[in-house]
Amino acid sequence: MSTKAAEGAAPLATRQKRRRLPTELSIFLVLVGIALIYEVLGWLLIGQSFLLNSQRLTIMILQVSVIGIIAVGVTQVIITGGIDLSSGSVVGMTAMIATSFAQSSTWGRAVFPSLTDLPAVVPIMIGLLIGAAAGLANGALIAYTKIPPFIATLGMFVSARGVAKWYTKGQPVSGITEQFHFIGTKAWPVVVFLVVALIFHIALRYTRYGKFTYAIGANPQAARVSGINIEAHLVKVYVIAGLLAGLAGIVTAARAETAQASMGVGYELDAIAATVIGGTSLTGGVGRITGTVIGTIILGVMTSGFTFLRIDAYYQEIVKGFIIVAAVVIDVYRQKKRRKH
């Protein structure tokens, strides 16, 4: 009887395994479902198509590309079991500082009059270094002082925003060169996002960097026993997250043709939301860049859909909050199910 039961159980387990859809496919189906709902509501309530408006879709993709760049870094942080609340403020700080080195000599109120008309590579490198430095500070505090990631990055959240305001005493930085502005024109923000996503998809899936990142998030003790230098790797992950936040700041300023201290406000929450919606577990050890890309698009479709249906911005934030909580609840349920199997 026991042998027959075992023989019957094996095909059943196999069938259950086959029925389970890959996480990315499930998230993609959610994206398709949301888009179709907006399409139907558009025809019923407004008499317009949501999906067939190319201008709306272009604006949506351009808007989410910056969030997507940040989310790629945040995904790696969350996979290690951490969190990064500072990315939005780092966007504002790097946008202000990088743009001050991208001003044209024709602009009468340059921050550094003797450093105008510099090649675009100069402000880009400065912005990336500023972002990486913020990430280094976060990573060092978390890895070597054992401060919880929430507290360490919250401190950077406040400090970076303060630096952005102090840098020009709250004044915007404008008059950028055509070279620097080019980064934010046409589809370049989307190209940057997709290239960044591809690089780190490969890094997480096929390199030792990725194996270490997942190992630390899944079981830090086992990772240490296996010879992984957890502290050094955590610093590396947070530096990359800061670097990508800096890149997002550069793209944001180039696209807007100006930099303001308020740039990036709320971006950290949108990036975390995109990451969690994309299937990355807040408990660590689980997540993929492909899921984050889809999660970012879902966030963009939702925001664009709310605007399309003329839903008030206040309601948009309320609904977004509910969706983040729902995504976390689903993740907790998924983790419990995995432990049982």
C-alpha atoms as a PDB file:
ATOM      1  CA  MET A   1       0.000   0.000   0.000  1.00  0.00           C
ATOM      2  CA  SER A   2       2.778   2.410   0.938  1.00  0.00           C
ATOM      3  CA  THR A   3       4.639   1.705  -2.323  1.00  0.00           C
ATOM      4  CA  LYS A   4       1.482   2.386  -4.364  1.00  0.00           C
ATOM      5  CA  ALA A   5       0.813   5.558  -2.414  1.00  0.00           C
ATOM      6  CA  ALA A   6       4.353   6.749  -3.086  1.00  0.00           C
ATOM      7  CA  GLU A   7       3.996   5.939  -6.777  1.00  0.00           C
ATOM      8  CA  GLY A   8       0.718   7.869  -6.899  1.00  0.00           C
ATOM      9  CA  ALA A   9       2.155  10.830  -4.991  1.00  0.00           C
ATOM     10  CA  ALA A  10       5.077  11.329  -7.405  1.00  0.00           C
ATOM     11  CA  PRO A  11       2.973  12.063 -10.515  1.00  0.00           C
ATOM     12  CA  LEU A  12       0.711  14.309  -8.382  1.00  0.00           C
ATOM     13  CA  ALA A  13       3.717  16.351  -7.217  1.00  0.00           C
ATOM     14  CA  THR A  14       4.930  16.557 -10.800  1.00  0.00           C
ATOM     15  CA  ARG A  15       1.529  17.771 -11.998  1.00  0.00           C
ATOM     16  CA  GLN A  16       1.419  20.421  -9.240  1.00  0.00           C
ATOM     17  CA  LYS A  17       4.891  21.593 -10.213  1.00  0.00           C
ATOM     18  CA  ARG A  18       3.855  21.881 -13.848  1.00  0.00           C
ATOM     19  CA  ARG A  19       0.755  23.873 -12.947  1.00  0.00           C
ATOM     20  CA  ARG A  20       2.798  26.520 -11.148  1.00  0.00           C
ATOM     21  CA  LEU A  21       3.558  29.397 -13.499  1.00  0.00           C
ATOM     22  CA  PRO A  22       6.970  31.113 -13.416  1.00  0.00           C
ATOM     23  CA  THR A  23       6.854  34.255 -11.260  1.00  0.00           C
ATOM     24  CA  GLU A  24       7.744  36.566 -14.168  1.00  0.00           C
ATOM     25  CA  LEU A  25       4.989  35.089 -16.348  1.00  0.00           C
ATOM     26  CA  SER A  26       2.431  35.540 -13.570  1.00  0.00           C
ATOM     27  CA  ILE A  27       3.493  39.182 -13.138  1.00  0.00           C
ATOM     28  CA  PHE A  28       3.349  39.725 -16.906  1.00  0.00           C
ATOM     29  CA  LEU A  29      -0.207  38.364 -16.988  1.00  0.00           C
ATOM     30  CA  VAL A  30      -1.097  40.822 -14.221  1.00  0.00           C
ATOM     31  CA  LEU A  31       0.342  43.618 -16.402  1.00  0.00           C
ATOM     32  CA  VAL A  32      -1.752  42.489 -19.378  1.00  0.00           C
ATOM     33  CA  GLY A  33      -4.847  42.259 -17.170  1.00  0.00           C
ATOM     34  CA  ILE A  34      -4.399  45.791 -15.772  1.00  0.00           C
ATOM     35  CA  ALA A  35      -3.850  47.235 -19.259  1.00  0.00           C
ATOM     36  CA  LEU A  36      -6.992  45.518 -20.582  1.00  0.00           C
ATOM     37  CA  ILE A  37      -9.050  46.787 -17.630  1.00  0.00           C
ATOM     38  CA  TYR A  38      -7.967  50.360 -18.407  1.00  0.00           C
ATOM     39  CA  GLU A  39      -8.760  49.784 -22.087  1.00  0.00           C
ATOM     40  CA  VAL A  40     -12.312  48.633 -21.282  1.00  0.00           C
ATOM     41  CA  LEU A  41     -12.876  51.429 -18.738  1.00  0.00           C
ATOM     42  CA  GLY A  42     -11.522  53.945 -21.235  1.00  0.00           C
ATOM     43  CA  TRP A  43     -14.131  53.023 -23.834  1.00  0.00           C
ATOM     44  CA  LEU A  44     -16.943  52.802 -21.273  1.00  0.00           C
ATOM     45  CA  LEU A  45     -16.231  56.001 -19.314  1.00  0.00           C
ATOM     46  CA  ILE A  46     -14.379  58.299 -21.713  1.00  0.00           C
ATOM     47  CA  GLY A  47     -14.918  56.852 -25.166  1.00  0.00           C
ATOM     48  CA  GLN A  48     -11.160  56.616 -25.819  1.00  0.00           C
ATOM     49  CA  SER A  49      -8.599  53.856 -26.167  1.00  0.00           C
ATOM     50  CA  PHE A  50      -5.911  53.529 -23.493  1.00  0.00           C
ATOM     51  CA  LEU A  51      -3.574  51.208 -25.390  1.00  0.00           C
ATOM     52  CA  LEU A  52      -3.843  52.699 -28.876  1.00  0.00           C
ATOM     53  CA  ASN A  53      -2.625  56.161 -27.879  1.00  0.00           C
ATOM     54  CA  SER A  54       1.075  56.080 -28.817  1.00  0.00           C
ATOM     55  CA  GLN A  55       1.819  59.478 -27.263  1.00  0.00           C
ATOM     56  CA  ARG A  56       0.466  58.390 -23.873  1.00  0.00           C
ATOM     57  CA  LEU A  57       2.433  55.138 -23.966  1.00  0.00           C
ATOM     58  CA  THR A  58       5.635  56.992 -24.947  1.00  0.00           C
ATOM     59  CA  ILE A  59       5.288  59.444 -22.057  1.00  0.00           C
ATOM     60  CA  MET A  60       4.558  56.569 -19.665  1.00  0.00           C
ATOM     61  CA  ILE A  61       7.647  54.592 -20.714  1.00  0.00           C
ATOM     62  CA  LEU A  62       9.875  57.671 -20.446  1.00  0.00           C
ATOM     63  CA  GLN A  63       8.551  58.429 -16.961  1.00  0.00           C
ATOM     64  CA  VAL A  64       9.057  54.936 -15.585  1.00  0.00           C
ATOM     65  CA  SER A  65      12.549  54.540 -17.077  1.00  0.00           C
ATOM     66  CA  VAL A  66      14.097  56.662 -14.297  1.00  0.00           C
ATOM     67  CA  ILE A  67      12.222  54.682 -11.611  1.00  0.00           C
ATOM     68  CA  GLY A  68      13.373  51.515 -13.364  1.00  0.00           C
ATOM     69  CA  ILE A  69      17.049  52.504 -13.199  1.00  0.00           C
ATOM     70  CA  ILE A  70      16.716  53.070  -9.441  1.00  0.00           C
ATOM     71  CA  ALA A  71      14.673  49.866  -9.019  1.00  0.00           C
ATOM     72  CA  VAL A  72      17.463  47.747 -10.549  1.00  0.00           C
ATOM     73  CA  GLY A  73      19.757  48.866  -7.716  1.00  0.00           C
ATOM     74  CA  VAL A  74      17.040  48.571  -5.072  1.00  0.00           C
ATOM     75  CA  THR A  75      16.307  45.006  -6.238  1.00  0.00           C
ATOM     76  CA  GLN A  76      19.868  43.945  -5.457  1.00  0.00           C
ATOM     77  CA  VAL A  77      19.731  45.603  -2.044  1.00  0.00           C
ATOM     78  CA  ILE A  78      16.440  43.886  -1.157  1.00  0.00           C
ATOM     79  CA  ILE A  79      17.742  40.496  -2.361  1.00  0.00           C
ATOM     80  CA  THR A  80      20.485  40.795   0.291  1.00  0.00           C
ATOM     81  CA  GLY A  81      17.767  41.336   2.902  1.00  0.00           C
ATOM     82  CA  GLY A  82      18.286  45.104   3.099  1.00  0.00           C
ATOM     83  CA  ILE A  83      16.389  48.209   2.075  1.00  0.00           C
ATOM     84  CA  ASP A  84      17.338  51.558   0.532  1.00  0.00           C
ATOM     85  CA  LEU A  85      15.241  54.587   1.449  1.00  0.00           C
ATOM     86  CA  SER A  86      17.835  57.106   0.255  1.00  0.00           C
ATOM     87  CA  SER A  87      17.643  56.683  -3.538  1.00  0.00           C
ATOM     88  CA  GLY A  88      15.138  59.501  -4.158  1.00  0.00           C
ATOM     89  CA  SER A  89      17.216  62.005  -2.193  1.00  0.00           C
ATOM     90  CA  VAL A  90      20.393  60.821  -3.932  1.00  0.00           C
ATOM     91  CA  VAL A  91      18.654  61.531  -7.261  1.00  0.00           C
ATOM     92  CA  GLY A  92      18.058  65.124  -6.157  1.00  0.00           C
ATOM     93  CA  MET A  93      21.588  65.578  -4.812  1.00  0.00           C
ATOM     94  CA  THR A  94      23.350  64.151  -7.862  1.00  0.00           C
ATOM     95  CA  ALA A  95      21.053  66.069 -10.237  1.00  0.00           C
ATOM     96  CA  MET A  96      21.999  69.370  -8.564  1.00  0.00           C
ATOM     97  CA  ILE A  97      25.741  68.707  -8.395  1.00  0.00           C
ATOM     98  CA  ALA A  98      26.115  67.102 -11.838  1.00  0.00           C
ATOM     99  CA  THR A  99      24.078  69.826 -13.559  1.00  0.00           C
ATOM    100  CA  SER A 100      26.261  72.557 -12.016  1.00  0.00           C
ATOM    101  CA  PHE A 101      29.140  71.148 -14.099  1.00  0.00           C
ATOM    102  CA  ALA A 102      26.984  70.862 -17.247  1.00  0.00           C
ATOM    103  CA  GLN A 103      26.126  74.556 -17.651  1.00  0.00           C
ATOM    104  CA  SER A 104      26.691  76.553 -20.822  1.00  0.00           C
ATOM    105  CA  SER A 105      28.787  79.732 -20.957  1.00  0.00           C
ATOM    106  CA  THR A 106      25.775  81.490 -22.446  1.00  0.00           C
ATOM    107  CA  TRP A 107      23.923  81.085 -19.153  1.00  0.00           C
ATOM    108  CA  GLY A 108      24.430  84.192 -17.037  1.00  0.00           C
ATOM    109  CA  ARG A 109      23.987  82.570 -13.610  1.00  0.00           C
ATOM    110  CA  ALA A 110      26.377  79.629 -13.764  1.00  0.00           C
ATOM    111  CA  VAL A 111      27.273  78.038 -10.422  1.00  0.00           C
ATOM    112  CA  PHE A 112      30.915  77.813 -11.528  1.00  0.00           C
ATOM    113  CA  PRO A 113      31.485  80.471 -14.251  1.00  0.00           C
ATOM    114  CA  SER A 114      35.003  79.208 -14.933  1.00  0.00           C
ATOM    115  CA  LEU A 115      33.789  75.609 -15.427  1.00  0.00           C
ATOM    116  CA  THR A 116      31.198  76.012 -18.171  1.00  0.00           C
ATOM    117  CA  ASP A 117      30.959  74.209 -21.541  1.00  0.00           C
ATOM    118  CA  LEU A 118      32.624  71.087 -20.138  1.00  0.00           C
ATOM    119  CA  PRO A 119      32.304  67.823 -22.117  1.00  0.00           C
ATOM    120  CA  ALA A 120      29.203  65.853 -21.043  1.00  0.00           C
ATOM    121  CA  VAL A 121      31.386  63.071 -19.678  1.00  0.00           C
ATOM    122  CA  VAL A 122      32.579  65.365 -16.851  1.00  0.00           C
ATOM    123  CA  PRO A 123      29.179  66.015 -15.196  1.00  0.00           C
ATOM    124  CA  ILE A 124      28.178  62.400 -15.857  1.00  0.00           C
ATOM    125  CA  MET A 125      31.257  61.055 -14.065  1.00  0.00           C
ATOM    126  CA  ILE A 126      30.807  63.541 -11.196  1.00  0.00           C
ATOM    127  CA  GLY A 127      27.172  62.502 -10.794  1.00  0.00           C
ATOM    128  CA  LEU A 128      28.059  58.805 -10.792  1.00  0.00           C
ATOM    129  CA  LEU A 129      30.823  59.363  -8.230  1.00  0.00           C
ATOM    130  CA  ILE A 130      28.466  61.326  -5.950  1.00  0.00           C
ATOM    131  CA  GLY A 131      25.890  58.530  -6.150  1.00  0.00           C
ATOM    132  CA  ALA A 132      28.520  55.860  -5.526  1.00  0.00           C
ATOM    133  CA  ALA A 133      29.849  57.834  -2.520  1.00  0.00           C
ATOM    134  CA  ALA A 134      26.338  57.936  -1.017  1.00  0.00           C
ATOM    135  CA  GLY A 135      26.038  54.186  -1.575  1.00  0.00           C
ATOM    136  CA  LEU A 136      29.467  53.636  -0.023  1.00  0.00           C
ATOM    137  CA  ALA A 137      28.400  55.529   3.098  1.00  0.00           C
ATOM    138  CA  ASN A 138      25.219  53.448   3.323  1.00  0.00           C
ATOM    139  CA  GLY A 139      27.041  50.161   2.766  1.00  0.00           C
ATOM    140  CA  ALA A 140      29.859  50.895   5.235  1.00  0.00           C
ATOM    141  CA  LEU A 141      27.415  51.879   7.976  1.00  0.00           C
ATOM    142  CA  ILE A 142      25.285  48.783   7.431  1.00  0.00           C
ATOM    143  CA  ALA A 143      28.136  46.294   6.992  1.00  0.00           C
ATOM    144  CA  TYR A 144      30.620  47.462   9.616  1.00  0.00           C
ATOM    145  CA  THR A 145      28.557  49.175  12.326  1.00  0.00           C
ATOM    146  CA  LYS A 146      25.639  46.714  11.985  1.00  0.00           C
ATOM    147  CA  ILE A 147      23.129  49.576  11.884  1.00  0.00           C
ATOM    148  CA  PRO A 148      19.823  48.311  10.411  1.00  0.00           C
ATOM    149  CA  PRO A 149      19.552  49.228   6.701  1.00  0.00           C
ATOM    150  CA  PHE A 150      16.321  51.098   7.401  1.00  0.00           C
ATOM    151  CA  ILE A 151      18.047  53.511   9.810  1.00  0.00           C
ATOM    152  CA  ALA A 152      21.270  53.934   7.811  1.00  0.00           C
ATOM    153  CA  THR A 153      19.502  54.727   4.538  1.00  0.00           C
ATOM    154  CA  LEU A 154      16.929  56.896   6.327  1.00  0.00           C
ATOM    155  CA  GLY A 155      19.838  59.006   7.563  1.00  0.00           C
ATOM    156  CA  MET A 156      21.154  59.331   4.007  1.00  0.00           C
ATOM    157  CA  PHE A 157      17.615  60.125   2.835  1.00  0.00           C
ATOM    158  CA  VAL A 158      17.603  63.207   5.077  1.00  0.00           C
ATOM    159  CA  SER A 159      21.260  64.190   4.565  1.00  0.00           C
ATOM    160  CA  ALA A 160      21.298  63.926   0.765  1.00  0.00           C
ATOM    161  CA  ARG A 161      18.162  66.028   0.471  1.00  0.00           C
ATOM    162  CA  GLY A 162      19.778  68.579   2.772  1.00  0.00           C
ATOM    163  CA  VAL A 163      22.884  68.698   0.561  1.00  0.00           C
ATOM    164  CA  ALA A 164      20.688  69.192  -2.530  1.00  0.00           C
ATOM    165  CA  LYS A 165      19.022  72.222  -0.889  1.00  0.00           C
ATOM    166  CA  TRP A 166      22.260  73.643   0.554  1.00  0.00           C
ATOM    167  CA  TYR A 167      24.287  73.323  -2.657  1.00  0.00           C
ATOM    168  CA  THR A 168      22.702  76.352  -4.355  1.00  0.00           C
ATOM    169  CA  LYS A 169      20.706  77.653  -1.369  1.00  0.00           C
ATOM    170  CA  GLY A 170      17.542  76.155  -2.877  1.00  0.00           C
ATOM    171  CA  GLN A 171      17.977  77.776  -6.297  1.00  0.00           C
ATOM    172  CA  PRO A 172      17.474  75.634  -9.446  1.00  0.00           C
ATOM    173  CA  VAL A 173      20.406  74.927 -11.758  1.00  0.00           C
ATOM    174  CA  SER A 174      19.629  75.570 -15.439  1.00  0.00           C
ATOM    175  CA  GLY A 175      21.303  76.488 -18.721  1.00  0.00           C
ATOM    176  CA  ILE A 176      22.753  73.069 -19.525  1.00  0.00           C
ATOM    177  CA  THR A 177      24.764  72.271 -22.646  1.00  0.00           C
ATOM    178  CA  GLU A 178      23.248  70.463 -25.629  1.00  0.00           C
ATOM    179  CA  GLN A 179      25.643  67.555 -25.074  1.00  0.00           C
ATOM    180  CA  PHE A 180      24.330  66.943 -21.561  1.00  0.00           C
ATOM    181  CA  HIS A 181      20.699  67.485 -22.568  1.00  0.00           C
ATOM    182  CA  PHE A 182      21.052  64.832 -25.285  1.00  0.00           C
ATOM    183  CA  ILE A 183      21.080  62.067 -22.621  1.00  0.00           C
ATOM    184  CA  GLY A 184      17.485  62.900 -21.723  1.00  0.00           C
ATOM    185  CA  THR A 185      16.110  63.324 -25.252  1.00  0.00           C
ATOM    186  CA  LYS A 186      14.047  60.953 -27.394  1.00  0.00           C
ATOM    187  CA  ALA A 187      14.219  57.343 -26.206  1.00  0.00           C
ATOM    188  CA  TRP A 188      17.640  57.573 -24.534  1.00  0.00           C
ATOM    189  CA  PRO A 189      16.287  57.294 -20.939  1.00  0.00           C
ATOM    190  CA  VAL A 190      14.569  54.040 -21.948  1.00  0.00           C
ATOM    191  CA  VAL A 191      17.746  52.771 -23.640  1.00  0.00           C
ATOM    192  CA  VAL A 192      19.766  53.533 -20.494  1.00  0.00           C
ATOM    193  CA  PHE A 193      17.191  51.697 -18.347  1.00  0.00           C
ATOM    194  CA  LEU A 194      17.149  48.607 -20.576  1.00  0.00           C
ATOM    195  CA  VAL A 195      20.968  48.457 -20.826  1.00  0.00           C
ATOM    196  CA  VAL A 196      21.287  48.763 -17.034  1.00  0.00           C
ATOM    197  CA  ALA A 197      18.613  46.067 -16.552  1.00  0.00           C
ATOM    198  CA  LEU A 198      20.358  43.720 -19.009  1.00  0.00           C
ATOM    199  CA  ILE A 199      23.790  44.189 -17.377  1.00  0.00           C
ATOM    200  CA  PHE A 200      22.532  43.398 -13.901  1.00  0.00           C
ATOM    201  CA  HIS A 201      20.256  40.604 -15.068  1.00  0.00           C
ATOM    202  CA  ILE A 202      23.379  38.890 -16.415  1.00  0.00           C
ATOM    203  CA  ALA A 203      25.404  39.809 -13.307  1.00  0.00           C
ATOM    204  CA  LEU A 204      22.827  38.377 -10.905  1.00  0.00           C
ATOM    205  CA  ARG A 205      22.094  35.256 -12.887  1.00  0.00           C
ATOM    206  CA  TYR A 206      25.452  34.188 -14.282  1.00  0.00           C
ATOM    207  CA  THR A 207      28.260  35.640 -12.140  1.00  0.00           C
ATOM    208  CA  ARG A 208      29.742  35.087  -8.710  1.00  0.00           C
ATOM    209  CA  TYR A 209      28.475  38.525  -7.723  1.00  0.00           C
ATOM    210  CA  GLY A 210      24.902  37.289  -8.201  1.00  0.00           C
ATOM    211  CA  LYS A 211      25.487  34.016  -6.353  1.00  0.00           C
ATOM    212  CA  PHE A 212      26.923  35.896  -3.369  1.00  0.00           C
ATOM    213  CA  THR A 213      24.033  38.390  -3.390  1.00  0.00           C
ATOM    214  CA  TYR A 214      21.398  35.652  -3.276  1.00  0.00           C
ATOM    215  CA  ALA A 215      23.359  33.607  -0.727  1.00  0.00           C
ATOM    216  CA  ILE A 216      23.601  36.533   1.723  1.00  0.00           C
ATOM    217  CA  GLY A 217      19.888  37.242   1.440  1.00  0.00           C
ATOM    218  CA  ALA A 218      18.841  33.596   1.777  1.00  0.00           C
ATOM    219  CA  ASN A 219      21.057  32.660   4.740  1.00  0.00           C
ATOM    220  CA  PRO A 220      23.796  35.056   5.974  1.00  0.00           C
ATOM    221  CA  GLN A 221      25.271  32.500   8.389  1.00  0.00           C
ATOM    222  CA  ALA A 222      25.608  29.830   5.706  1.00  0.00           C
ATOM    223  CA  ALA A 223      27.071  32.425   3.327  1.00  0.00           C
ATOM    224  CA  ARG A 224      29.738  33.366   5.881  1.00  0.00           C
ATOM    225  CA  VAL A 225      30.591  29.717   6.563  1.00  0.00           C
ATOM    226  CA  SER A 226      30.991  29.123   2.820  1.00  0.00           C
ATOM    227  CA  GLY A 227      33.698  31.815   2.724  1.00  0.00           C
ATOM    228  CA  ILE A 228      31.780  34.860   1.455  1.00  0.00           C
ATOM    229  CA  ASN A 229      33.024  38.188   2.802  1.00  0.00           C
ATOM    230  CA  ILE A 230      29.563  39.484   3.666  1.00  0.00           C
ATOM    231  CA  GLU A 231      30.672  42.962   4.749  1.00  0.00           C
ATOM    232  CA  ALA A 232      32.670  43.674   1.570  1.00  0.00           C
ATOM    233  CA  HIS A 233      29.879  42.333  -0.636  1.00  0.00           C
ATOM    234  CA  LEU A 234      27.183  44.382   1.081  1.00  0.00           C
ATOM    235  CA  VAL A 235      29.257  47.528   0.558  1.00  0.00           C
ATOM    236  CA  LYS A 236      29.556  46.601  -3.125  1.00  0.00           C
ATOM    237  CA  VAL A 237      25.773  46.139  -3.466  1.00  0.00           C
ATOM    238  CA  TYR A 238      24.988  49.496  -1.827  1.00  0.00           C
ATOM    239  CA  VAL A 239      27.629  51.281  -3.925  1.00  0.00           C
ATOM    240  CA  ILE A 240      25.950  49.912  -7.069  1.00  0.00           C
ATOM    241  CA  ALA A 241      22.533  51.036  -5.772  1.00  0.00           C
ATOM    242  CA  GLY A 242      23.929  54.522  -5.109  1.00  0.00           C
ATOM    243  CA  LEU A 243      25.626  54.594  -8.507  1.00  0.00           C
ATOM    244  CA  LEU A 244      22.340  53.776 -10.249  1.00  0.00           C
ATOM    245  CA  ALA A 245      20.479  56.406  -8.207  1.00  0.00           C
ATOM    246  CA  GLY A 246      23.151  58.867  -9.361  1.00  0.00           C
ATOM    247  CA  LEU A 247      22.618  57.784 -12.968  1.00  0.00           C
ATOM    248  CA  ALA A 248      18.878  58.295 -12.520  1.00  0.00           C
ATOM    249  CA  GLY A 249      19.584  61.811 -11.230  1.00  0.00           C
ATOM    250  CA  ILE A 250      21.683  62.593 -14.305  1.00  0.00           C
ATOM    251  CA  VAL A 251      18.996  61.319 -16.694  1.00  0.00           C
ATOM    252  CA  THR A 252      16.263  63.221 -14.802  1.00  0.00           C
ATOM    253  CA  ALA A 253      18.171  66.525 -14.962  1.00  0.00           C
ATOM    254  CA  ALA A 254      19.138  66.038 -18.619  1.00  0.00           C
ATOM    255  CA  ARG A 255      15.536  65.312 -19.564  1.00  0.00           C
ATOM    256  CA  ALA A 256      14.141  68.303 -17.630  1.00  0.00           C
ATOM    257  CA  GLU A 257      16.983  70.603 -18.797  1.00  0.00           C
ATOM    258  CA  THR A 258      17.240  71.825 -15.210  1.00  0.00           C
ATOM    259  CA  ALA A 259      17.922  70.524 -11.717  1.00  0.00           C
ATOM    260  CA  GLN A 260      15.977  71.292  -8.555  1.00  0.00           C
ATOM    261  CA  ALA A 261      16.520  70.197  -4.965  1.00  0.00           C
ATOM    262  CA  SER A 262      13.036  68.646  -4.948  1.00  0.00           C
ATOM    263  CA  MET A 263      13.864  66.223  -7.776  1.00  0.00           C
ATOM    264  CA  GLY A 264      13.408  62.576  -6.896  1.00  0.00           C
ATOM    265  CA  VAL A 265      10.934  63.095  -4.042  1.00  0.00           C
ATOM    266  CA  GLY A 266       9.074  59.795  -3.563  1.00  0.00           C
ATOM    267  CA  TYR A 267      11.190  57.951  -6.134  1.00  0.00           C
ATOM    268  CA  GLU A 268      12.565  55.594  -3.472  1.00  0.00           C
ATOM    269  CA  LEU A 269       9.036  54.384  -2.635  1.00  0.00           C
ATOM    270  CA  ASP A 270       8.140  53.932  -6.304  1.00  0.00           C
ATOM    271  CA  ALA A 271      11.355  51.933  -6.837  1.00  0.00           C
ATOM    272  CA  ILE A 272      10.620  49.722  -3.823  1.00  0.00           C
ATOM    273  CA  ALA A 273       7.032  49.280  -5.039  1.00  0.00           C
ATOM    274  CA  ALA A 274       8.198  48.283  -8.542  1.00  0.00           C
ATOM    275  CA  THR A 275      10.669  45.830  -7.023  1.00  0.00           C
ATOM    276  CA  VAL A 276       8.128  44.189  -4.704  1.00  0.00           C
ATOM    277  CA  ILE A 277       5.416  44.086  -7.385  1.00  0.00           C
ATOM    278  CA  GLY A 278       8.039  42.425  -9.613  1.00  0.00           C
ATOM    279  CA  GLY A 279       8.320  39.486  -7.203  1.00  0.00           C
ATOM    280  CA  THR A 280      11.384  40.371  -5.120  1.00  0.00           C
ATOM    281  CA  SER A 281      10.911  39.174  -1.555  1.00  0.00           C
ATOM    282  CA  LEU A 282      11.419  41.703   1.253  1.00  0.00           C
ATOM    283  CA  THR A 283      12.774  38.850   3.381  1.00  0.00           C
ATOM    284  CA  GLY A 284      15.731  38.519   0.976  1.00  0.00           C
ATOM    285  CA  GLY A 285      17.177  35.789  -1.210  1.00  0.00           C
ATOM    286  CA  VAL A 286      14.483  35.955  -3.923  1.00  0.00           C
ATOM    287  CA  GLY A 287      14.100  38.298  -6.879  1.00  0.00           C
ATOM    288  CA  ARG A 288      14.984  38.868 -10.519  1.00  0.00           C
ATOM    289  CA  ILE A 289      15.677  41.912 -12.641  1.00  0.00           C
ATOM    290  CA  THR A 290      13.190  40.707 -15.269  1.00  0.00           C
ATOM    291  CA  GLY A 291      10.461  40.781 -12.635  1.00  0.00           C
ATOM    292  CA  THR A 292      11.513  44.276 -11.592  1.00  0.00           C
ATOM    293  CA  VAL A 293      11.317  45.502 -15.202  1.00  0.00           C
ATOM    294  CA  ILE A 294       7.751  44.178 -15.465  1.00  0.00           C
ATOM    295  CA  GLY A 295       6.918  45.606 -12.025  1.00  0.00           C
ATOM    296  CA  THR A 296       8.187  49.016 -13.146  1.00  0.00           C
ATOM    297  CA  ILE A 297       5.982  48.900 -16.236  1.00  0.00           C
ATOM    298  CA  ILE A 298       2.985  47.857 -14.093  1.00  0.00           C
ATOM    299  CA  LEU A 299       3.573  50.891 -11.887  1.00  0.00           C
ATOM    300  CA  GLY A 300       3.771  53.111 -14.976  1.00  0.00           C
ATOM    301  CA  VAL A 301       0.614  51.632 -16.508  1.00  0.00           C
ATOM    302  CA  MET A 302      -1.267  52.152 -13.242  1.00  0.00           C
ATOM    303  CA  THR A 303      -0.197  55.780 -12.901  1.00  0.00           C
ATOM    304  CA  SER A 304      -0.884  56.524 -16.558  1.00  0.00           C
ATOM    305  CA  GLY A 305      -4.229  54.733 -16.313  1.00  0.00           C
ATOM    306  CA  PHE A 306      -5.300  56.778 -13.287  1.00  0.00           C
ATOM    307  CA  THR A 307      -4.473  59.986 -15.154  1.00  0.00           C
ATOM    308  CA  PHE A 308      -6.232  58.674 -18.268  1.00  0.00           C
ATOM    309  CA  LEU A 309      -9.412  58.021 -16.259  1.00  0.00           C
ATOM    310  CA  ARG A 310      -9.043  61.464 -14.620  1.00  0.00           C
ATOM    311  CA  ILE A 311      -8.767  59.964 -11.139  1.00  0.00           C
ATOM    312  CA  ASP A 312      -7.546  62.487  -8.564  1.00  0.00           C
ATOM    313  CA  ALA A 313      -3.847  62.240  -7.598  1.00  0.00           C
ATOM    314  CA  TYR A 314      -4.759  61.717  -3.932  1.00  0.00           C
ATOM    315  CA  TYR A 315      -6.673  58.558  -4.788  1.00  0.00           C
ATOM    316  CA  GLN A 316      -3.724  57.397  -6.892  1.00  0.00           C
ATOM    317  CA  GLU A 317      -1.448  57.455  -3.830  1.00  0.00           C
ATOM    318  CA  ILE A 318      -4.036  55.608  -1.729  1.00  0.00           C
ATOM    319  CA  VAL A 319      -4.440  52.867  -4.325  1.00  0.00           C
ATOM    320  CA  LYS A 320      -0.650  52.629  -4.797  1.00  0.00           C
ATOM    321  CA  GLY A 321      -0.255  52.090  -1.055  1.00  0.00           C
ATOM    322  CA  PHE A 322      -2.827  49.296  -1.075  1.00  0.00           C
ATOM    323  CA  ILE A 323      -1.071  47.625  -4.024  1.00  0.00           C
ATOM    324  CA  ILE A 324       2.310  47.680  -2.240  1.00  0.00           C
ATOM    325  CA  VAL A 325       0.766  46.084   0.873  1.00  0.00           C
ATOM    326  CA  ALA A 326      -1.043  43.507  -1.280  1.00  0.00           C
ATOM    327  CA  ALA A 327       2.215  42.622  -3.064  1.00  0.00           C
ATOM    328  CA  VAL A 328       3.943  42.079   0.296  1.00  0.00           C
ATOM    329  CA  VAL A 329       1.051  39.937   1.588  1.00  0.00           C
ATOM    330  CA  ILE A 330       1.234  37.798  -1.566  1.00  0.00           C
ATOM    331  CA  ASP A 331       5.011  37.482  -1.073  1.00  0.00           C
ATOM    332  CA  VAL A 332       4.548  36.323   2.551  1.00  0.00           C
ATOM    333  CA  TYR A 333       1.971  33.767   1.421  1.00  0.00           C
ATOM    334  CA  ARG A 334       4.316  32.580  -1.339  1.00  0.00           C
ATOM    335  CA  GLN A 335       7.213  32.166   1.119  1.00  0.00           C
ATOM    336  CA  LYS A 336       5.042  30.118   3.509  1.00  0.00           C
ATOM    337  CA  LYS A 337       3.969  27.883   0.629  1.00  0.00           C
ATOM    338  CA  ARG A 338       7.604  27.308  -0.390  1.00  0.00           C
ATOM    339  CA  ARG A 339       8.587  26.321   3.155  1.00  0.00           C
ATOM    340  CA  LYS A 340       5.812  23.717   3.268  1.00  0.00           C
ATOM    341  CA  HIS A 341       7.104  22.121   0.051  1.00  0.00           C
END
